[in-house]
Protein backbone atom coordinates (compact mmCIF):
# COMPACT_ATOMS: atom_id res chain seq x y z
CA MET A 1 -6.92 1.53 25.04
CA SER A 2 -4.99 3.15 22.20
CA LYS A 3 -6.77 4.56 19.22
CA THR A 4 -5.67 3.37 15.81
CA LYS A 5 -6.07 5.74 12.92
CA HIS A 6 -8.66 4.30 10.54
CA VAL A 7 -7.53 4.33 6.93
CA SER A 8 -10.18 3.56 4.36
CA GLU A 9 -9.56 0.98 1.66
CA THR A 10 -8.45 2.35 -1.65
CA PRO A 11 -10.02 1.18 -4.92
CA ALA A 12 -6.75 -0.73 -5.48
CA ILE A 13 -7.22 -2.74 -2.27
CA VAL A 14 -10.87 -3.43 -3.10
CA PHE A 15 -9.77 -4.69 -6.55
CA LEU A 16 -6.99 -6.91 -5.15
CA LYS A 17 -9.25 -8.44 -2.49
CA LYS A 18 -11.96 -9.10 -5.08
CA HIS A 19 -9.41 -10.96 -7.21
CA GLY A 20 -7.84 -12.87 -4.29
CA VAL A 21 -4.39 -11.34 -4.79
CA SER A 22 -1.84 -11.82 -2.01
CA TYR A 23 0.12 -8.68 -1.05
CA THR A 24 1.92 -7.04 1.85
CA GLU A 25 1.32 -3.40 2.82
CA HIS A 26 4.17 -0.91 3.34
CA ASN A 27 3.65 2.63 4.60
CA TYR A 28 6.33 5.29 4.29
CA GLU A 29 6.50 9.04 4.74
CA TYR A 30 5.55 10.61 1.41
CA VAL A 31 7.98 13.31 0.27
CA GLU A 32 6.82 15.73 -2.45
CA HIS A 33 8.91 15.03 -5.60
CA GLY A 34 10.79 12.27 -3.72
CA GLY A 35 9.65 9.59 -6.15
CA THR A 36 10.76 6.00 -6.09
CA ARG A 37 14.22 6.92 -4.81
CA GLU A 38 12.69 8.19 -1.56
CA SER A 39 10.25 5.30 -1.11
CA SER A 40 12.90 2.65 -1.83
CA ALA A 41 15.31 4.29 0.64
CA GLN A 42 12.69 4.38 3.39
CA LEU A 43 11.60 0.78 2.75
CA HIS A 44 15.22 -0.44 2.37
CA THR A 45 14.59 -2.01 -1.01
CA ASP A 46 16.12 -1.70 -4.48
CA GLU A 47 14.64 1.18 -6.49
CA HIS A 48 14.59 -1.15 -9.51
CA ALA A 49 11.88 -3.23 -7.74
CA VAL A 50 9.72 -0.18 -7.00
CA ILE A 51 7.33 0.07 -9.94
CA LYS A 52 6.01 3.41 -11.16
CA THR A 53 2.47 3.62 -12.51
CA LEU A 54 2.51 6.22 -15.27
CA ILE A 55 -0.36 7.55 -17.35
CA PHE A 56 0.47 8.26 -20.99
CA GLU A 57 -1.73 9.36 -23.88
CA ASP A 58 -1.58 8.46 -27.55
CA GLU A 59 -2.10 10.91 -30.43
CA HIS A 60 -5.89 10.65 -29.98
CA GLY A 61 -5.75 11.48 -26.27
CA LYS A 62 -6.54 7.86 -25.31
CA PRO A 63 -4.99 7.08 -21.92
CA HIS A 64 -2.65 4.14 -21.30
CA VAL A 65 -1.05 2.81 -18.11
CA ILE A 66 2.69 2.18 -18.27
CA LEU A 67 4.40 0.18 -15.50
CA MET A 68 8.12 0.96 -15.26
CA HIS A 69 11.05 0.34 -12.92
CA GLY A 70 11.60 3.21 -10.50
CA ASP A 71 15.16 3.72 -11.71
CA CYS A 72 14.24 3.89 -15.42
CA LYS A 73 12.46 6.19 -17.84
CA VAL A 74 10.03 5.29 -20.62
CA SER A 75 11.06 5.67 -24.25
CA ALA A 76 7.82 7.16 -25.59
CA LYS A 77 9.01 6.69 -29.17
CA ASN A 78 9.70 2.97 -28.67
CA LEU A 79 6.44 2.56 -26.77
CA ALA A 80 4.43 4.09 -29.63
CA ARG A 81 6.23 1.86 -32.15
CA GLN A 82 5.68 -1.32 -30.11
CA ILE A 83 1.98 -0.77 -29.44
CA GLY A 84 1.14 0.46 -32.94
CA VAL A 85 0.29 4.12 -32.43
CA LYS A 86 1.86 7.22 -34.00
CA LYS A 87 2.72 9.04 -30.80
CA MET A 88 2.83 8.53 -27.01
CA GLN A 89 3.50 11.14 -24.39
CA ALA A 90 3.20 11.50 -20.64
CA CYS A 91 -0.27 12.66 -19.70
CA ASP A 92 -0.64 16.19 -18.36
CA PRO A 93 -0.48 15.95 -14.53
CA ALA A 94 -3.74 17.91 -14.30
CA VAL A 95 -5.51 15.35 -16.54
CA ALA A 96 -3.99 12.04 -15.38
CA PRO A 97 -6.09 11.81 -12.17
CA LYS A 98 -9.26 12.11 -14.26
CA HIS A 99 -8.28 8.92 -16.07
CA SER A 100 -6.93 6.94 -13.12
CA GLY A 101 -9.04 8.23 -10.24
CA TYR A 102 -5.85 8.59 -8.21
CA GLN A 103 -3.81 11.56 -7.03
CA ILE A 104 -0.36 12.06 -8.62
CA GLY A 105 2.14 10.26 -6.39
CA GLY A 106 -0.53 7.75 -5.37
CA THR A 107 -1.48 6.19 -8.71
CA SER A 108 -2.07 2.45 -8.74
CA PRO A 109 -2.77 0.28 -11.80
CA PHE A 110 -5.39 -1.59 -9.76
CA GLY A 111 -8.94 -0.26 -9.55
CA THR A 112 -8.54 2.65 -11.94
CA ARG A 113 -11.53 4.88 -12.70
CA LYS A 114 -11.33 4.18 -16.46
CA LYS A 115 -10.46 0.90 -18.14
CA MET A 116 -7.16 1.55 -19.94
CA PRO A 117 -4.65 -0.60 -21.79
CA ILE A 118 -1.84 -1.57 -19.41
CA TRP A 119 1.75 -2.02 -20.59
CA VAL A 120 4.46 -3.53 -18.41
CA GLU A 121 8.22 -3.38 -18.97
CA LYS A 122 9.30 -6.96 -19.69
CA SER A 123 12.12 -7.10 -17.12
CA ILE A 124 9.69 -6.28 -14.28
CA LEU A 125 8.23 -9.77 -14.68
CA ASP A 126 11.67 -11.29 -13.95
CA LEU A 127 11.83 -9.78 -10.45
CA PRO A 128 11.11 -12.04 -7.46
CA GLU A 129 8.94 -9.33 -5.84
CA ILE A 130 7.74 -5.85 -6.78
CA PHE A 131 6.64 -2.81 -4.76
CA ILE A 132 3.78 -0.93 -6.42
CA ASN A 133 1.48 1.86 -5.30
CA GLY A 134 -1.59 0.83 -3.34
CA GLY A 135 -3.70 3.85 -4.27
CA ARG A 136 -2.48 6.68 -2.08
CA ARG A 137 0.69 8.61 -1.36
CA GLY A 138 3.06 6.89 1.05
CA TYR A 139 1.55 3.44 0.53
CA LEU A 140 3.19 0.62 -1.45
CA LEU A 141 2.20 -3.01 -1.81
CA SER A 142 4.67 -5.83 -2.35
CA MET A 143 3.58 -8.79 -4.44
CA ASP A 144 4.56 -11.28 -7.09
CA PRO A 145 4.95 -9.49 -10.46
CA SER A 146 2.91 -12.18 -12.25
CA VAL A 147 -0.18 -10.42 -10.81
CA LEU A 148 0.36 -7.72 -13.43
CA THR A 149 -0.22 -10.05 -16.36
CA LYS A 150 -2.62 -12.49 -14.70
CA THR A 151 -4.95 -10.00 -13.01
CA LEU A 152 -4.51 -6.83 -15.08
CA GLN A 153 -3.83 -8.53 -18.43
CA ALA A 154 -0.86 -6.16 -18.81
CA GLN A 155 0.88 -6.50 -22.16
CA VAL A 156 4.67 -6.74 -22.29
CA VAL A 157 6.82 -4.02 -23.87
CA GLU A 158 10.54 -3.27 -23.85
CA VAL A 159 10.81 0.51 -23.50
CA ALA A 160 13.05 1.10 -20.45
CA ILE A 161 15.80 3.70 -20.51
CA PRO A 162 18.12 3.58 -17.47
CA LYS A 163 18.25 6.96 -15.67
């Protein structure tokens, strides 16, 4: 009898199961600083469909979740303008896990430690399927992008800058 390595459920999986969300699990070998380019290559999918979960902060230090295509950057200036704050910037990597409850490289928008506003790049919702972090490094979930607005109440923004 072969032993299977037990992997505990992440808060993201608990959240998705609680909300009856359908998803498919994909494991890959996490590479430090490999980002979405590495995960998309290993999973043989388009990097544009791999969605990054980024933690930003406004001028008051209030955290926000930004969901962006893997092959794009966020225009912080446009984001601030569209959501009605003076300034937005990427959260310090030492502070982001305190907001999300997840390790950098394994951040999921599902089951975060703190309730935060969630912003999704508009064109993500046009994709037939997305790949998004399941709450740990080397672990993506594929699902219908409508989950982001239906389950997370993510608000739409247009702030993508192609890399």
